[in-house]
Amino acid sequence: MTFAESVYEAIKKIPCGKVATYKGIATFLGSPNSARAVGNALHKNPLPIIQPCHRVVNSKGELAKNFGFGGREKQKQLLQSEGIEIKNNKIELNNYLFHFKVDK
């Protein structure tokens, strides 16, 4: 499985109404210094609804400036439709952050 395919599998685990960070996904995949590679994979996501890349934000909770599937406003609309509150293009991670669990 490629790194990008691993990213797509990981984001499928993020439930509706929650978000993850690029770094959180990279760490979950065992590559904590690969947050940019996560972002690159998400930007090329071939199935953006099935693989919910809109649920990924930066470590400050900020929406993607260049969300590849309709821009920041589209990401905002998708997250709000899931009940996530957004103020100034930012999400309060304490309320909405999804924590990946390692399968044993």
PDB file of N, CA and C in Angstrom:
ATOM      1  N   MET A   1       0.852  -1.178   0.000  1.00  0.00           N
ATOM      2  CA  MET A   1       0.000   0.000   0.000  1.00  0.00           C
ATOM      3  C   MET A   1       0.897   1.241   0.000  1.00  0.00           C
ATOM      4  N   THR A   2       0.575   2.203  -0.843  1.00  0.00           N
ATOM      5  CA  THR A   2       1.360   3.433  -0.889  1.00  0.00           C
ATOM      6  C   THR A   2       1.039   4.311   0.318  1.00  0.00           C
ATOM      7  N   PHE A   3       1.878   5.312   0.544  1.00  0.00           N
ATOM      8  CA  PHE A   3       1.617   6.242   1.642  1.00  0.00           C
ATOM      9  C   PHE A   3       0.269   6.931   1.430  1.00  0.00           C
ATOM     10  N   ALA A   4      -0.002   7.380   0.210  1.00  0.00           N
ATOM     11  CA  ALA A   4      -1.277   8.052  -0.086  1.00  0.00           C
ATOM     12  C   ALA A   4      -2.456   7.133   0.203  1.00  0.00           C
ATOM     13  N   GLU A   5      -2.365   5.881  -0.182  1.00  0.00           N
ATOM     14  CA  GLU A   5      -3.453   4.935   0.093  1.00  0.00           C
ATOM     15  C   GLU A   5      -3.653   4.752   1.597  1.00  0.00           C
ATOM     16  N   SER A   6      -2.557   4.760   2.347  1.00  0.00           N
ATOM     17  CA  SER A   6      -2.649   4.673   3.812  1.00  0.00           C
ATOM     18  C   SER A   6      -3.355   5.896   4.383  1.00  0.00           C
ATOM     19  N   VAL A   7      -3.064   7.064   3.818  1.00  0.00           N
ATOM     20  CA  VAL A   7      -3.725   8.302   4.241  1.00  0.00           C
ATOM     21  C   VAL A   7      -5.229   8.190   3.988  1.00  0.00           C
ATOM     22  N   TYR A   8      -5.613   7.722   2.808  1.00  0.00           N
ATOM     23  CA  TYR A   8      -7.035   7.611   2.462  1.00  0.00           C
ATOM     24  C   TYR A   8      -7.752   6.630   3.393  1.00  0.00           C
ATOM     25  N   GLU A   9      -7.082   5.550   3.753  1.00  0.00           N
ATOM     26  CA  GLU A   9      -7.683   4.605   4.698  1.00  0.00           C
ATOM     27  C   GLU A   9      -7.826   5.239   6.082  1.00  0.00           C
ATOM     28  N   ALA A  10      -6.834   6.007   6.488  1.00  0.00           N
ATOM     29  CA  ALA A  10      -6.877   6.655   7.803  1.00  0.00           C
ATOM     30  C   ALA A  10      -8.015   7.660   7.890  1.00  0.00           C
ATOM     31  N   ILE A  11      -8.204   8.472   6.857  1.00  0.00           N
ATOM     32  CA  ILE A  11      -9.238   9.510   6.967  1.00  0.00           C
ATOM     33  C   ILE A  11     -10.644   8.923   6.954  1.00  0.00           C
ATOM     34  N   LYS A  12     -10.794   7.714   6.454  1.00  0.00           N
ATOM     35  CA  LYS A  12     -12.104   7.051   6.514  1.00  0.00           C
ATOM     36  C   LYS A  12     -12.511   6.763   7.954  1.00  0.00           C
ATOM     37  N   LYS A  13     -11.538   6.729   8.870  1.00  0.00           N
ATOM     38  CA  LYS A  13     -11.804   6.456  10.281  1.00  0.00           C
ATOM     39  C   LYS A  13     -12.341   7.688  11.026  1.00  0.00           C
ATOM     40  N   ILE A  14     -12.172   8.881  10.448  1.00  0.00           N
ATOM     41  CA  ILE A  14     -12.608  10.104  11.129  1.00  0.00           C
ATOM     42  C   ILE A  14     -14.132  10.176  11.036  1.00  0.00           C
ATOM     43  N   PRO A  15     -14.824  10.132  12.171  1.00  0.00           N
ATOM     44  CA  PRO A  15     -16.289  10.140  12.115  1.00  0.00           C
ATOM     45  C   PRO A  15     -16.869  11.517  11.778  1.00  0.00           C
ATOM     46  N   CYS A  16     -18.072  11.481  11.299  1.00  0.00           N
ATOM     47  CA  CYS A  16     -18.823  12.708  11.035  1.00  0.00           C
ATOM     48  C   CYS A  16     -18.847  13.548  12.312  1.00  0.00           C
ATOM     49  N   GLY A  17     -18.590  14.841  12.188  1.00  0.00           N
ATOM     50  CA  GLY A  17     -18.606  15.731  13.341  1.00  0.00           C
ATOM     51  C   GLY A  17     -17.278  15.833  14.071  1.00  0.00           C
ATOM     52  N   LYS A  18     -16.249  15.205  13.528  1.00  0.00           N
ATOM     53  CA  LYS A  18     -14.910  15.262  14.115  1.00  0.00           C
ATOM     54  C   LYS A  18     -13.914  15.660  13.035  1.00  0.00           C
ATOM     55  N   VAL A  19     -12.735  16.114  13.452  1.00  0.00           N
ATOM     56  CA  VAL A  19     -11.648  16.451  12.527  1.00  0.00           C
ATOM     57  C   VAL A  19     -10.362  15.820  13.037  1.00  0.00           C
ATOM     58  N   ALA A  20      -9.397  15.728  12.136  1.00  0.00           N
ATOM     59  CA  ALA A  20      -8.044  15.290  12.491  1.00  0.00           C
ATOM     60  C   ALA A  20      -7.089  16.306  11.899  1.00  0.00           C
ATOM     61  N   THR A  21      -5.852  16.254  12.350  1.00  0.00           N
ATOM     62  CA  THR A  21      -4.834  17.150  11.811  1.00  0.00           C
ATOM     63  C   THR A  21      -3.916  16.373  10.873  1.00  0.00           C
ATOM     64  N   TYR A  22      -3.242  17.105   9.998  1.00  0.00           N
ATOM     65  CA  TYR A  22      -2.269  16.486   9.102  1.00  0.00           C
ATOM     66  C   TYR A  22      -1.218  15.732   9.917  1.00  0.00           C
ATOM     67  N   LYS A  23      -0.707  16.380  10.951  1.00  0.00           N
ATOM     68  CA  LYS A  23       0.320  15.765  11.796  1.00  0.00           C
ATOM     69  C   LYS A  23      -0.234  14.551  12.541  1.00  0.00           C
ATOM     70  N   GLY A  24      -1.479  14.642  13.000  1.00  0.00           N
ATOM     71  CA  GLY A  24      -2.096  13.513  13.687  1.00  0.00           C
ATOM     72  C   GLY A  24      -2.199  12.285  12.790  1.00  0.00           C
ATOM     73  N   ILE A  25      -2.547  12.511  11.536  1.00  0.00           N
ATOM     74  CA  ILE A  25      -2.632  11.407  10.574  1.00  0.00           C
ATOM     75  C   ILE A  25      -1.236  10.848  10.312  1.00  0.00           C
ATOM     76  N   ALA A  26      -0.265  11.738  10.097  1.00  0.00           N
ATOM     77  CA  ALA A  26       1.106  11.298   9.851  1.00  0.00           C
ATOM     78  C   ALA A  26       1.628  10.473  11.025  1.00  0.00           C
ATOM     79  N   THR A  27       1.357  10.926  12.233  1.00  0.00           N
ATOM     80  CA  THR A  27       1.794  10.211  13.431  1.00  0.00           C
ATOM     81  C   THR A  27       1.125   8.851  13.515  1.00  0.00           C
ATOM     82  N   PHE A  28      -0.174   8.801  13.273  1.00  0.00           N
ATOM     83  CA  PHE A  28      -0.912   7.539  13.281  1.00  0.00           C
ATOM     84  C   PHE A  28      -0.313   6.550  12.284  1.00  0.00           C
ATOM     85  N   LEU A  29       0.148   7.059  11.154  1.00  0.00           N
ATOM     86  CA  LEU A  29       0.728   6.200  10.120  1.00  0.00           C
ATOM     87  C   LEU A  29       2.197   5.857  10.381  1.00  0.00           C
ATOM     88  N   GLY A  30       2.726   6.337  11.524  1.00  0.00           N
ATOM     89  CA  GLY A  30       4.096   6.008  11.892  1.00  0.00           C
ATOM     90  C   GLY A  30       5.148   6.897  11.262  1.00  0.00           C
ATOM     91  N   SER A  31       4.708   8.040  10.722  1.00  0.00           N
ATOM     92  CA  SER A  31       5.622   8.969  10.047  1.00  0.00           C
ATOM     93  C   SER A  31       5.352  10.392  10.529  1.00  0.00           C
ATOM     94  N   PRO A  32       5.627  10.693  11.797  1.00  0.00           N
ATOM     95  CA  PRO A  32       5.216  11.978  12.371  1.00  0.00           C
ATOM     96  C   PRO A  32       5.752  13.224  11.670  1.00  0.00           C
ATOM     97  N   ASN A  33       6.805  13.081  10.883  1.00  0.00           N
ATOM     98  CA  ASN A  33       7.357  14.232  10.168  1.00  0.00           C
ATOM     99  C   ASN A  33       6.813  14.357   8.739  1.00  0.00           C
ATOM    100  N   SER A  34       5.744  13.656   8.447  1.00  0.00           N
ATOM    101  CA  SER A  34       5.209  13.622   7.084  1.00  0.00           C
ATOM    102  C   SER A  34       3.876  14.351   6.921  1.00  0.00           C
ATOM    103  N   ALA A  35       3.647  15.373   7.733  1.00  0.00           N
ATOM    104  CA  ALA A  35       2.378  16.101   7.642  1.00  0.00           C
ATOM    105  C   ALA A  35       2.178  16.699   6.251  1.00  0.00           C
ATOM    106  N   ARG A  36       3.230  17.217   5.645  1.00  0.00           N
ATOM    107  CA  ARG A  36       3.116  17.782   4.288  1.00  0.00           C
ATOM    108  C   ARG A  36       2.750  16.708   3.265  1.00  0.00           C
ATOM    109  N   ALA A  37       3.307  15.531   3.429  1.00  0.00           N
ATOM    110  CA  ALA A  37       2.986  14.435   2.520  1.00  0.00           C
ATOM    111  C   ALA A  37       1.518  14.033   2.665  1.00  0.00           C
ATOM    112  N   VAL A  38       0.993  14.114   3.886  1.00  0.00           N
ATOM    113  CA  VAL A  38      -0.439  13.858   4.102  1.00  0.00           C
ATOM    114  C   VAL A  38      -1.252  14.889   3.322  1.00  0.00           C
ATOM    115  N   GLY A  39      -0.876  16.155   3.448  1.00  0.00           N
ATOM    116  CA  GLY A  39      -1.574  17.222   2.727  1.00  0.00           C
ATOM    117  C   GLY A  39      -1.512  17.030   1.223  1.00  0.00           C
ATOM    118  N   ASN A  40      -0.363  16.633   0.717  1.00  0.00           N
ATOM    119  CA  ASN A  40      -0.223  16.390  -0.718  1.00  0.00           C
ATOM    120  C   ASN A  40      -1.128  15.252  -1.172  1.00  0.00           C
ATOM    121  N   ALA A  41      -1.182  14.188  -0.398  1.00  0.00           N
ATOM    122  CA  ALA A  41      -2.054  13.061  -0.744  1.00  0.00           C
ATOM    123  C   ALA A  41      -3.515  13.493  -0.743  1.00  0.00           C
ATOM    124  N   LEU A  42      -3.898  14.266   0.256  1.00  0.00           N
ATOM    125  CA  LEU A  42      -5.297  14.705   0.346  1.00  0.00           C
ATOM    126  C   LEU A  42      -5.667  15.624  -0.805  1.00  0.00           C
ATOM    127  N   HIS A  43      -4.729  16.420  -1.238  1.00  0.00           N
ATOM    128  CA  HIS A  43      -4.997  17.337  -2.353  1.00  0.00           C
ATOM    129  C   HIS A  43      -5.271  16.562  -3.648  1.00  0.00           C
ATOM    130  N   LYS A  44      -4.780  15.328  -3.716  1.00  0.00           N
ATOM    131  CA  LYS A  44      -4.975  14.479  -4.898  1.00  0.00           C
ATOM    132  C   LYS A  44      -6.027  13.394  -4.664  1.00  0.00           C
ATOM    133  N   ASN A  45      -6.777  13.493  -3.583  1.00  0.00           N
ATOM    134  CA  ASN A  45      -7.770  12.495  -3.198  1.00  0.00           C
ATOM    135  C   ASN A  45      -8.708  12.183  -4.366  1.00  0.00           C
ATOM    136  N   PRO A  46      -8.739  10.933  -4.852  1.00  0.00           N
ATOM    137  CA  PRO A  46      -9.600  10.603  -5.983  1.00  0.00           C
ATOM    138  C   PRO A  46     -11.082  10.455  -5.617  1.00  0.00           C
ATOM    139  N   LEU A  47     -11.391  10.306  -4.328  1.00  0.00           N
ATOM    140  CA  LEU A  47     -12.773  10.110  -3.884  1.00  0.00           C
ATOM    141  C   LEU A  47     -13.071  11.002  -2.681  1.00  0.00           C
ATOM    142  N   PRO A  48     -13.185  12.320  -2.869  1.00  0.00           N
ATOM    143  CA  PRO A  48     -13.247  13.241  -1.732  1.00  0.00           C
ATOM    144  C   PRO A  48     -14.456  13.106  -0.809  1.00  0.00           C
ATOM    145  N   ILE A  49     -15.546  12.498  -1.226  1.00  0.00           N
ATOM    146  CA  ILE A  49     -16.674  12.312  -0.307  1.00  0.00           C
ATOM    147  C   ILE A  49     -16.518  10.989   0.443  1.00  0.00           C
ATOM    148  N   ILE A  50     -16.154   9.936  -0.267  1.00  0.00           N
ATOM    149  CA  ILE A  50     -15.954   8.628   0.362  1.00  0.00           C
ATOM    150  C   ILE A  50     -14.756   8.672   1.303  1.00  0.00           C
ATOM    151  N   GLN A  51     -13.734   9.395   0.908  1.00  0.00           N
ATOM    152  CA  GLN A  51     -12.538   9.594   1.727  1.00  0.00           C
ATOM    153  C   GLN A  51     -12.571  11.052   2.167  1.00  0.00           C
ATOM    154  N   PRO A  52     -13.166  11.315   3.342  1.00  0.00           N
ATOM    155  CA  PRO A  52     -13.537  12.678   3.749  1.00  0.00           C
ATOM    156  C   PRO A  52     -12.380  13.601   4.112  1.00  0.00           C
ATOM    157  N   CYS A  53     -11.675  14.072   3.088  1.00  0.00           N
ATOM    158  CA  CYS A  53     -10.530  14.947   3.316  1.00  0.00           C
ATOM    159  C   CYS A  53     -10.936  16.295   3.911  1.00  0.00           C
ATOM    160  N   HIS A  54     -12.208  16.660   3.813  1.00  0.00           N
ATOM    161  CA  HIS A  54     -12.654  17.927   4.406  1.00  0.00           C
ATOM    162  C   HIS A  54     -12.556  17.908   5.926  1.00  0.00           C
ATOM    163  N   ARG A  55     -12.397  16.746   6.514  1.00  0.00           N
ATOM    164  CA  ARG A  55     -12.303  16.616   7.971  1.00  0.00           C
ATOM    165  C   ARG A  55     -10.877  16.762   8.487  1.00  0.00           C
ATOM    166  N   VAL A  56      -9.968  17.232   7.632  1.00  0.00           N
ATOM    167  CA  VAL A  56      -8.571  17.382   8.042  1.00  0.00           C
ATOM    168  C   VAL A  56      -8.217  18.867   8.055  1.00  0.00           C
ATOM    169  N   VAL A  57      -7.651  19.311   9.181  1.00  0.00           N
ATOM    170  CA  VAL A  57      -7.271  20.713   9.378  1.00  0.00           C
ATOM    171  C   VAL A  57      -5.828  20.764   9.879  1.00  0.00           C
ATOM    172  N   ASN A  58      -5.277  21.963   9.972  1.00  0.00           N
ATOM    173  CA  ASN A  58      -3.894  22.048  10.469  1.00  0.00           C
ATOM    174  C   ASN A  58      -3.863  21.958  12.000  1.00  0.00           C
ATOM    175  N   SER A  59      -2.686  21.961  12.558  1.00  0.00           N
ATOM    176  CA  SER A  59      -2.517  21.744  14.002  1.00  0.00           C
ATOM    177  C   SER A  59      -3.071  22.876  14.858  1.00  0.00           C
ATOM    178  N   LYS A  60      -3.417  24.002  14.226  1.00  0.00           N
ATOM    179  CA  LYS A  60      -4.049  25.110  14.940  1.00  0.00           C
ATOM    180  C   LYS A  60      -5.573  25.054  14.817  1.00  0.00           C
ATOM    181  N   GLY A  61      -6.077  24.076  14.068  1.00  0.00           N
ATOM    182  CA  GLY A  61      -7.511  23.963  13.850  1.00  0.00           C
ATOM    183  C   GLY A  61      -8.010  24.794  12.682  1.00  0.00           C
ATOM    184  N   GLU A  62      -7.086  25.314  11.889  1.00  0.00           N
ATOM    185  CA  GLU A  62      -7.466  26.180  10.773  1.00  0.00           C
ATOM    186  C   GLU A  62      -7.843  25.366   9.542  1.00  0.00           C
ATOM    187  N   LEU A  63      -8.836  25.860   8.812  1.00  0.00           N
ATOM    188  CA  LEU A  63      -9.244  25.234   7.565  1.00  0.00           C
ATOM    189  C   LEU A  63      -8.134  25.372   6.530  1.00  0.00           C
ATOM    190  N   ALA A  64      -8.165  24.483   5.533  1.00  0.00           N
ATOM    191  CA  ALA A  64      -7.155  24.512   4.479  1.00  0.00           C
ATOM    192  C   ALA A  64      -7.325  25.751   3.608  1.00  0.00           C
ATOM    193  N   LYS A  65      -6.266  26.511   3.440  1.00  0.00           N
ATOM    194  CA  LYS A  65      -6.332  27.699   2.580  1.00  0.00           C
ATOM    195  C   LYS A  65      -6.617  27.315   1.140  1.00  0.00           C
ATOM    196  N   ASN A  66      -6.104  26.160   0.729  1.00  0.00           N
ATOM    197  CA  ASN A  66      -6.255  25.720  -0.659  1.00  0.00           C
ATOM    198  C   ASN A  66      -6.974  24.375  -0.728  1.00  0.00           C
ATOM    199  N   PHE A  67      -8.091  24.248  -0.018  1.00  0.00           N
ATOM    200  CA  PHE A  67      -8.852  23.001  -0.060  1.00  0.00           C
ATOM    201  C   PHE A  67      -9.151  22.671  -1.511  1.00  0.00           C
ATOM    202  N   GLY A  68      -8.680  21.519  -1.964  1.00  0.00           N
ATOM    203  CA  GLY A  68      -8.676  21.172  -3.378  1.00  0.00           C
ATOM    204  C   GLY A  68     -10.020  20.863  -3.996  1.00  0.00           C
ATOM    205  N   PHE A  69     -11.077  20.864  -3.233  1.00  0.00           N
ATOM    206  CA  PHE A  69     -12.374  20.452  -3.758  1.00  0.00           C
ATOM    207  C   PHE A  69     -13.431  21.521  -3.497  1.00  0.00           C
ATOM    208  N   GLY A  70     -13.121  22.749  -3.957  1.00  0.00           N
ATOM    209  CA  GLY A  70     -14.068  23.840  -3.817  1.00  0.00           C
ATOM    210  C   GLY A  70     -13.593  24.983  -2.954  1.00  0.00           C
ATOM    211  N   GLY A  71     -12.383  24.920  -2.448  1.00  0.00           N
ATOM    212  CA  GLY A  71     -11.836  26.004  -1.648  1.00  0.00           C
ATOM    213  C   GLY A  71     -12.255  25.959  -0.193  1.00  0.00           C
ATOM    214  N   ARG A  72     -11.734  26.909   0.565  1.00  0.00           N
ATOM    215  CA  ARG A  72     -11.971  26.975   2.009  1.00  0.00           C
ATOM    216  C   ARG A  72     -13.460  27.071   2.358  1.00  0.00           C
ATOM    217  N   GLU A  73     -14.202  27.826   1.565  1.00  0.00           N
ATOM    218  CA  GLU A  73     -15.640  27.972   1.855  1.00  0.00           C
ATOM    219  C   GLU A  73     -16.374  26.645   1.729  1.00  0.00           C
ATOM    220  N   LYS A  74     -15.994  25.819   0.764  1.00  0.00           N
ATOM    221  CA  LYS A  74     -16.620  24.499   0.602  1.00  0.00           C
ATOM    222  C   LYS A  74     -16.276  23.607   1.783  1.00  0.00           C
ATOM    223  N   GLN A  75     -15.025  23.635   2.216  1.00  0.00           N
ATOM    224  CA  GLN A  75     -14.637  22.855   3.393  1.00  0.00           C
ATOM    225  C   GLN A  75     -15.455  23.310   4.598  1.00  0.00           C
ATOM    226  N   LYS A  76     -15.585  24.604   4.750  1.00  0.00           N
ATOM    227  CA  LYS A  76     -16.353  25.161   5.860  1.00  0.00           C
ATOM    228  C   LYS A  76     -17.798  24.680   5.808  1.00  0.00           C
ATOM    229  N   GLN A  77     -18.421  24.732   4.642  1.00  0.00           N
ATOM    230  CA  GLN A  77     -19.811  24.284   4.496  1.00  0.00           C
ATOM    231  C   GLN A  77     -19.958  22.808   4.852  1.00  0.00           C
ATOM    232  N   LEU A  78     -19.038  21.978   4.370  1.00  0.00           N
ATOM    233  CA  LEU A  78     -19.115  20.545   4.649  1.00  0.00           C
ATOM    234  C   LEU A  78     -18.984  20.266   6.146  1.00  0.00           C
ATOM    235  N   LEU A  79     -18.049  20.934   6.804  1.00  0.00           N
ATOM    236  CA  LEU A  79     -17.872  20.729   8.245  1.00  0.00           C
ATOM    237  C   LEU A  79     -19.068  21.248   9.040  1.00  0.00           C
ATOM    238  N   GLN A  80     -19.576  22.398   8.665  1.00  0.00           N
ATOM    239  CA  GLN A  80     -20.739  22.933   9.360  1.00  0.00           C
ATOM    240  C   GLN A  80     -21.956  22.024   9.187  1.00  0.00           C
ATOM    241  N   SER A  81     -22.085  21.394   8.021  1.00  0.00           N
ATOM    242  CA  SER A  81     -23.206  20.486   7.794  1.00  0.00           C
ATOM    243  C   SER A  81     -23.122  19.262   8.699  1.00  0.00           C
ATOM    244  N   GLU A  82     -21.937  19.002   9.251  1.00  0.00           N
ATOM    245  CA  GLU A  82     -21.739  17.898  10.188  1.00  0.00           C
ATOM    246  C   GLU A  82     -21.843  18.362  11.643  1.00  0.00           C
ATOM    247  N   GLY A  83     -22.175  19.623  11.853  1.00  0.00           N
ATOM    248  CA  GLY A  83     -22.367  20.147  13.198  1.00  0.00           C
ATOM    249  C   GLY A  83     -21.127  20.743  13.835  1.00  0.00           C
ATOM    250  N   ILE A  84     -20.090  20.948  13.064  1.00  0.00           N
ATOM    251  CA  ILE A  84     -18.851  21.519  13.598  1.00  0.00           C
ATOM    252  C   ILE A  84     -18.939  23.042  13.548  1.00  0.00           C
ATOM    253  N   GLU A  85     -18.676  23.656  14.676  1.00  0.00           N
ATOM    254  CA  GLU A  85     -18.713  25.114  14.772  1.00  0.00           C
ATOM    255  C   GLU A  85     -17.379  25.690  14.309  1.00  0.00           C
ATOM    256  N   ILE A  86     -17.471  26.694  13.442  1.00  0.00           N
ATOM    257  CA  ILE A  86     -16.266  27.318  12.888  1.00  0.00           C
ATOM    258  C   ILE A  86     -16.351  28.820  13.099  1.00  0.00           C
ATOM    259  N   LYS A  87     -15.300  29.383  13.672  1.00  0.00           N
ATOM    260  CA  LYS A  87     -15.214  30.831  13.874  1.00  0.00           C
ATOM    261  C   LYS A  87     -13.916  31.320  13.263  1.00  0.00           C
ATOM    262  N   ASN A  88     -14.013  32.316  12.391  1.00  0.00           N
ATOM    263  CA  ASN A  88     -12.817  32.866  11.728  1.00  0.00           C
ATOM    264  C   ASN A  88     -11.986  31.783  11.043  1.00  0.00           C
ATOM    265  N   ASN A  89     -12.694  30.871  10.363  1.00  0.00           N
ATOM    266  CA  ASN A  89     -12.055  29.767   9.634  1.00  0.00           C
ATOM    267  C   ASN A  89     -11.212  28.870  10.529  1.00  0.00           C
ATOM    268  N   LYS A  90     -11.646  28.731  11.779  1.00  0.00           N
ATOM    269  CA  LYS A  90     -10.900  27.934  12.749  1.00  0.00           C
ATOM    270  C   LYS A  90     -11.868  27.085  13.572  1.00  0.00           C
ATOM    271  N   ILE A  91     -11.414  25.897  13.919  1.00  0.00           N
ATOM    272  CA  ILE A  91     -12.185  24.949  14.717  1.00  0.00           C
ATOM    273  C   ILE A  91     -11.522  24.813  16.078  1.00  0.00           C
ATOM    274  N   GLU A  92     -12.326  24.723  17.113  1.00  0.00           N
ATOM    275  CA  GLU A  92     -11.800  24.495  18.459  1.00  0.00           C
ATOM    276  C   GLU A  92     -11.473  23.005  18.585  1.00  0.00           C
ATOM    277  N   LEU A  93     -10.198  22.676  18.475  1.00  0.00           N
ATOM    278  CA  LEU A  93      -9.786  21.274  18.473  1.00  0.00           C
ATOM    279  C   LEU A  93     -10.160  20.550  19.765  1.00  0.00           C
ATOM    280  N   ASN A  94     -10.202  21.250  20.880  1.00  0.00           N
ATOM    281  CA  ASN A  94     -10.586  20.603  22.143  1.00  0.00           C
ATOM    282  C   ASN A  94     -11.977  19.992  22.063  1.00  0.00           C
ATOM    283  N   ASN A  95     -12.828  20.535  21.195  1.00  0.00           N
ATOM    284  CA  ASN A  95     -14.196  20.040  21.067  1.00  0.00           C
ATOM    285  C   ASN A  95     -14.377  19.004  19.963  1.00  0.00           C
ATOM    286  N   TYR A  96     -13.557  19.059  18.931  1.00  0.00           N
ATOM    287  CA  TYR A  96     -13.833  18.270  17.730  1.00  0.00           C
ATOM    288  C   TYR A  96     -12.720  17.332  17.265  1.00  0.00           C
ATOM    289  N   LEU A  97     -11.583  17.312  17.942  1.00  0.00           N
ATOM    290  CA  LEU A  97     -10.456  16.515  17.474  1.00  0.00           C
ATOM    291  C   LEU A  97     -10.708  15.027  17.664  1.00  0.00           C
ATOM    292  N   PHE A  98     -10.505  14.262  16.598  1.00  0.00           N
ATOM    293  CA  PHE A  98     -10.593  12.809  16.638  1.00  0.00           C
ATOM    294  C   PHE A  98      -9.218  12.245  16.980  1.00  0.00           C
ATOM    295  N   HIS A  99      -9.197  11.293  17.880  1.00  0.00           N
ATOM    296  CA  HIS A  99      -7.935  10.652  18.287  1.00  0.00           C
ATOM    297  C   HIS A  99      -7.909   9.245  17.699  1.00  0.00           C
ATOM    298  N   PHE A 100      -6.947   8.998  16.834  1.00  0.00           N
ATOM    299  CA  PHE A 100      -6.806   7.676  16.228  1.00  0.00           C
ATOM    300  C   PHE A 100      -6.377   6.661  17.282  1.00  0.00           C
ATOM    301  N   LYS A 101      -6.935   5.475  17.168  1.00  0.00           N
ATOM    302  CA  LYS A 101      -6.520   4.370  18.035  1.00  0.00           C
ATOM    303  C   LYS A 101      -5.822   3.335  17.174  1.00  0.00           C
ATOM    304  N   VAL A 102      -4.720   2.852  17.648  1.00  0.00           N
ATOM    305  CA  VAL A 102      -3.963   1.837  16.912  1.00  0.00           C
ATOM    306  C   VAL A 102      -4.650   0.481  17.109  1.00  0.00           C
ATOM    307  N   ASP A 103      -4.974  -0.167  15.970  1.00  0.00           N
ATOM    308  CA  ASP A 103      -5.570  -1.506  16.040  1.00  0.00           C
ATOM    309  C   ASP A 103      -4.519  -2.503  16.478  1.00  0.00           C
ATOM    310  N   LYS A 104      -4.931  -3.410  17.335  1.00  0.00           N
ATOM    311  CA  LYS A 104      -3.981  -4.433  17.819  1.00  0.00           C
ATOM    312  C   LYS A 104      -4.364  -5.781  17.268  1.00  0.00           C
TER     313      LYS A 104
END
